[in-house]
Amino acid sequence: MSQAMRISSWMIAAAMLAGLTTALVGCQEHKPQPRQTPAQLQDRLANARGIGSNDVRDQALHDIAVDAAASRVGDVAVTATSSIGNAKMRDDTAEQAAKILDDHSDRASAERVVQLMSDSSRRDAMRSYLASRAPSAR
């Protein structure tokens, strides 16, 4: 095998590994979509719950929870977060959604989302975060 072919094969393998690593990392920080109505979010939630693949379903539920928080629909954010099966992804989602909900003056929903966290030290850190901030009056 020539040197050029070995280098090319190595580069292809490295690129494939990088793509696989990205796919396996798990929960990616989701940038909220434009504001959506409760009905739109409920429709997305119903569709996500029907997804067969656990990983794909959990990622969809994560995205819905963050979008619901940004859209100020706390009940959907809580429901979507509680439906996530992977504990780490649920904790990541709860942290992101709680911060957004709190920023949008929905402390009650933020606290409900934090309560869903499995990791007690992360849950305590989020409770500390909420305790250190005065509730917004927006």
C-alpha atoms as a PDB file:
ATOM      1  CA  MET A   1       0.000   0.000   0.000  1.00  0.00           C
ATOM      2  CA  SER A   2       1.441   3.331  -0.951  1.00  0.00           C
ATOM      3  CA  GLN A   3       2.122   6.053   1.585  1.00  0.00           C
ATOM      4  CA  ALA A   4      -0.559   8.308   0.032  1.00  0.00           C
ATOM      5  CA  MET A   5      -3.204   5.582   0.336  1.00  0.00           C
ATOM      6  CA  ARG A   6      -2.259   4.887   3.969  1.00  0.00           C
ATOM      7  CA  ILE A   7      -2.531   8.585   4.838  1.00  0.00           C
ATOM      8  CA  SER A   8      -5.841   8.853   2.972  1.00  0.00           C
ATOM      9  CA  SER A   9      -7.224   5.772   4.734  1.00  0.00           C
ATOM     10  CA  TRP A  10      -6.095   7.132   8.086  1.00  0.00           C
ATOM     11  CA  MET A  11      -7.769  10.494   7.402  1.00  0.00           C
ATOM     12  CA  ILE A  12     -11.035   8.805   6.433  1.00  0.00           C
ATOM     13  CA  ALA A  13     -10.958   6.676   9.592  1.00  0.00           C
ATOM     14  CA  ALA A  14     -10.258   9.746  11.744  1.00  0.00           C
ATOM     15  CA  ALA A  15     -13.145  11.654  10.159  1.00  0.00           C
ATOM     16  CA  MET A  16     -15.505   8.717  10.707  1.00  0.00           C
ATOM     17  CA  LEU A  17     -14.416   8.429  14.339  1.00  0.00           C
ATOM     18  CA  ALA A  18     -14.977  12.138  14.889  1.00  0.00           C
ATOM     19  CA  GLY A  19     -18.494  11.854  13.476  1.00  0.00           C
ATOM     20  CA  LEU A  20     -19.269   8.813  15.620  1.00  0.00           C
ATOM     21  CA  THR A  21     -17.944  10.525  18.739  1.00  0.00           C
ATOM     22  CA  THR A  22     -20.175  13.529  18.107  1.00  0.00           C
ATOM     23  CA  ALA A  23     -23.192  11.268  17.655  1.00  0.00           C
ATOM     24  CA  LEU A  24     -22.474   9.363  20.877  1.00  0.00           C
ATOM     25  CA  VAL A  25     -21.740  12.351  23.113  1.00  0.00           C
ATOM     26  CA  GLY A  26     -25.407  12.680  24.006  1.00  0.00           C
ATOM     27  CA  CYS A  27     -27.281  15.768  24.935  1.00  0.00           C
ATOM     28  CA  GLN A  28     -26.170  18.798  22.985  1.00  0.00           C
ATOM     29  CA  GLU A  29     -27.059  22.286  24.144  1.00  0.00           C
ATOM     30  CA  HIS A  30     -30.205  23.145  22.201  1.00  0.00           C
ATOM     31  CA  LYS A  31     -30.853  26.688  21.080  1.00  0.00           C
ATOM     32  CA  PRO A  32     -34.563  27.366  21.553  1.00  0.00           C
ATOM     33  CA  GLN A  33     -36.743  27.716  18.487  1.00  0.00           C
ATOM     34  CA  PRO A  34     -38.976  30.756  17.958  1.00  0.00           C
ATOM     35  CA  ARG A  35     -41.776  31.026  20.501  1.00  0.00           C
ATOM     36  CA  GLN A  36     -44.435  28.338  20.103  1.00  0.00           C
ATOM     37  CA  THR A  37     -47.982  27.958  21.389  1.00  0.00           C
ATOM     38  CA  PRO A  38     -48.904  25.378  24.023  1.00  0.00           C
ATOM     39  CA  ALA A  39     -50.830  23.445  21.351  1.00  0.00           C
ATOM     40  CA  GLN A  40     -47.799  23.306  19.060  1.00  0.00           C
ATOM     41  CA  LEU A  41     -45.613  22.097  21.907  1.00  0.00           C
ATOM     42  CA  GLN A  42     -48.184  19.496  23.001  1.00  0.00           C
ATOM     43  CA  ASP A  43     -48.322  18.196  19.422  1.00  0.00           C
ATOM     44  CA  ARG A  44     -44.534  17.887  19.323  1.00  0.00           C
ATOM     45  CA  LEU A  45     -44.592  16.152  22.712  1.00  0.00           C
ATOM     46  CA  ALA A  46     -47.151  13.601  21.525  1.00  0.00           C
ATOM     47  CA  ASN A  47     -45.058  12.862  18.440  1.00  0.00           C
ATOM     48  CA  ALA A  48     -41.835  12.561  20.433  1.00  0.00           C
ATOM     49  CA  ARG A  49     -43.365  10.069  22.833  1.00  0.00           C
ATOM     50  CA  GLY A  50     -44.093   7.812  19.871  1.00  0.00           C
ATOM     51  CA  ILE A  51     -40.450   7.567  18.791  1.00  0.00           C
ATOM     52  CA  GLY A  52     -39.133   4.011  19.168  1.00  0.00           C
ATOM     53  CA  SER A  53     -35.430   4.726  19.615  1.00  0.00           C
ATOM     54  CA  ASN A  54     -34.635   5.742  23.199  1.00  0.00           C
ATOM     55  CA  ASP A  55     -31.764   8.053  22.196  1.00  0.00           C
ATOM     56  CA  VAL A  56     -33.728   9.787  19.446  1.00  0.00           C
ATOM     57  CA  ARG A  57     -36.803  10.119  21.686  1.00  0.00           C
ATOM     58  CA  ASP A  58     -34.754  11.563  24.566  1.00  0.00           C
ATOM     59  CA  GLN A  59     -33.091  14.123  22.268  1.00  0.00           C
ATOM     60  CA  ALA A  60     -36.495  15.161  20.885  1.00  0.00           C
ATOM     61  CA  LEU A  61     -37.890  15.489  24.416  1.00  0.00           C
ATOM     62  CA  HIS A  62     -34.851  17.565  25.411  1.00  0.00           C
ATOM     63  CA  ASP A  63     -35.442  19.934  22.486  1.00  0.00           C
ATOM     64  CA  ILE A  64     -39.152  20.229  23.332  1.00  0.00           C
ATOM     65  CA  ALA A  65     -38.432  20.941  27.007  1.00  0.00           C
ATOM     66  CA  VAL A  66     -36.015  23.740  26.137  1.00  0.00           C
ATOM     67  CA  ASP A  67     -38.367  25.188  23.511  1.00  0.00           C
ATOM     68  CA  ALA A  68     -41.278  25.021  25.981  1.00  0.00           C
ATOM     69  CA  ALA A  69     -39.226  26.817  28.629  1.00  0.00           C
ATOM     70  CA  ALA A  70     -38.291  29.532  26.140  1.00  0.00           C
ATOM     71  CA  SER A  71     -41.931  29.775  25.067  1.00  0.00           C
ATOM     72  CA  ARG A  72     -43.010  30.179  28.698  1.00  0.00           C
ATOM     73  CA  VAL A  73     -45.005  26.946  28.753  1.00  0.00           C
ATOM     74  CA  GLY A  74     -43.770  25.488  32.023  1.00  0.00           C
ATOM     75  CA  ASP A  75     -46.123  22.493  32.131  1.00  0.00           C
ATOM     76  CA  VAL A  76     -44.822  21.160  28.822  1.00  0.00           C
ATOM     77  CA  ALA A  77     -41.219  21.777  29.899  1.00  0.00           C
ATOM     78  CA  VAL A  78     -41.828  19.735  33.060  1.00  0.00           C
ATOM     79  CA  THR A  79     -43.657  16.939  31.222  1.00  0.00           C
ATOM     80  CA  ALA A  80     -41.030  16.672  28.468  1.00  0.00           C
ATOM     81  CA  THR A  81     -38.180  16.650  30.987  1.00  0.00           C
ATOM     82  CA  SER A  82     -39.848  14.016  33.157  1.00  0.00           C
ATOM     83  CA  SER A  83     -40.338  11.804  30.085  1.00  0.00           C
ATOM     84  CA  ILE A  84     -36.590  11.597  29.323  1.00  0.00           C
ATOM     85  CA  GLY A  85     -35.290   8.125  30.169  1.00  0.00           C
ATOM     86  CA  ASN A  86     -31.546   8.807  30.242  1.00  0.00           C
ATOM     87  CA  ALA A  87     -30.719  10.233  33.693  1.00  0.00           C
ATOM     88  CA  LYS A  88     -27.761  12.351  32.540  1.00  0.00           C
ATOM     89  CA  MET A  89     -29.730  13.827  29.655  1.00  0.00           C
ATOM     90  CA  ARG A  90     -32.702  14.470  31.965  1.00  0.00           C
ATOM     91  CA  ASP A  91     -30.388  16.312  34.394  1.00  0.00           C
ATOM     92  CA  ASP A  92     -28.801  18.324  31.561  1.00  0.00           C
ATOM     93  CA  THR A  93     -32.246  19.203  30.240  1.00  0.00           C
ATOM     94  CA  ALA A  94     -33.580  20.113  33.678  1.00  0.00           C
ATOM     95  CA  GLU A  95     -30.656  22.453  34.288  1.00  0.00           C
ATOM     96  CA  GLN A  96     -31.029  24.220  30.954  1.00  0.00           C
ATOM     97  CA  ALA A  97     -34.848  24.449  31.148  1.00  0.00           C
ATOM     98  CA  ALA A  98     -34.835  25.631  34.772  1.00  0.00           C
ATOM     99  CA  LYS A  99     -32.476  28.499  33.997  1.00  0.00           C
ATOM    100  CA  ILE A 100     -34.620  29.579  31.050  1.00  0.00           C
ATOM    101  CA  LEU A 101     -37.859  29.284  33.041  1.00  0.00           C
ATOM    102  CA  ASP A 102     -36.380  31.297  35.895  1.00  0.00           C
ATOM    103  CA  ASP A 103     -35.185  33.966  33.463  1.00  0.00           C
ATOM    104  CA  HIS A 104     -38.785  34.153  32.194  1.00  0.00           C
ATOM    105  CA  SER A 105     -40.223  34.640  35.705  1.00  0.00           C
ATOM    106  CA  ASP A 106     -41.586  31.106  36.101  1.00  0.00           C
ATOM    107  CA  ARG A 107     -39.818  30.133  39.318  1.00  0.00           C
ATOM    108  CA  ALA A 108     -42.474  27.534  40.209  1.00  0.00           C
ATOM    109  CA  SER A 109     -41.902  25.576  36.972  1.00  0.00           C
ATOM    110  CA  ALA A 110     -38.133  25.988  37.317  1.00  0.00           C
ATOM    111  CA  GLU A 111     -38.314  24.412  40.773  1.00  0.00           C
ATOM    112  CA  ARG A 112     -40.498  21.555  39.468  1.00  0.00           C
ATOM    113  CA  VAL A 113     -37.974  20.839  36.704  1.00  0.00           C
ATOM    114  CA  VAL A 114     -35.051  20.902  39.162  1.00  0.00           C
ATOM    115  CA  GLN A 115     -36.896  18.371  41.340  1.00  0.00           C
ATOM    116  CA  LEU A 116     -36.700  15.902  38.411  1.00  0.00           C
ATOM    117  CA  MET A 117     -32.893  15.803  38.523  1.00  0.00           C
ATOM    118  CA  SER A 118     -31.393  12.430  39.511  1.00  0.00           C
ATOM    119  CA  ASP A 119     -27.936  13.643  40.520  1.00  0.00           C
ATOM    120  CA  SER A 120     -28.393  15.066  44.028  1.00  0.00           C
ATOM    121  CA  SER A 121     -25.277  17.263  43.877  1.00  0.00           C
ATOM    122  CA  ARG A 122     -26.383  18.806  40.568  1.00  0.00           C
ATOM    123  CA  ARG A 123     -29.901  19.235  41.967  1.00  0.00           C
ATOM    124  CA  ASP A 124     -28.458  20.990  45.036  1.00  0.00           C
ATOM    125  CA  ALA A 125     -26.307  23.204  42.806  1.00  0.00           C
ATOM    126  CA  MET A 126     -29.392  24.233  40.826  1.00  0.00           C
ATOM    127  CA  ARG A 127     -31.336  24.892  44.016  1.00  0.00           C
ATOM    128  CA  SER A 128     -28.437  27.064  45.161  1.00  0.00           C
ATOM    129  CA  TYR A 129     -28.505  28.859  41.789  1.00  0.00           C
ATOM    130  CA  LEU A 130     -32.226  29.564  42.172  1.00  0.00           C
ATOM    131  CA  ALA A 131     -31.804  30.592  45.825  1.00  0.00           C
ATOM    132  CA  SER A 132     -29.093  33.098  44.900  1.00  0.00           C
ATOM    133  CA  ARG A 133     -31.333  34.902  42.438  1.00  0.00           C
ATOM    134  CA  ALA A 134     -34.294  37.065  43.269  1.00  0.00           C
ATOM    135  CA  PRO A 135     -37.340  35.891  41.321  1.00  0.00           C
ATOM    136  CA  SER A 136     -37.745  37.998  38.192  1.00  0.00           C
ATOM    137  CA  ALA A 137     -40.626  40.400  37.940  1.00  0.00           C
ATOM    138  CA  ARG A 138     -40.866  40.386  34.159  1.00  0.00           C
END
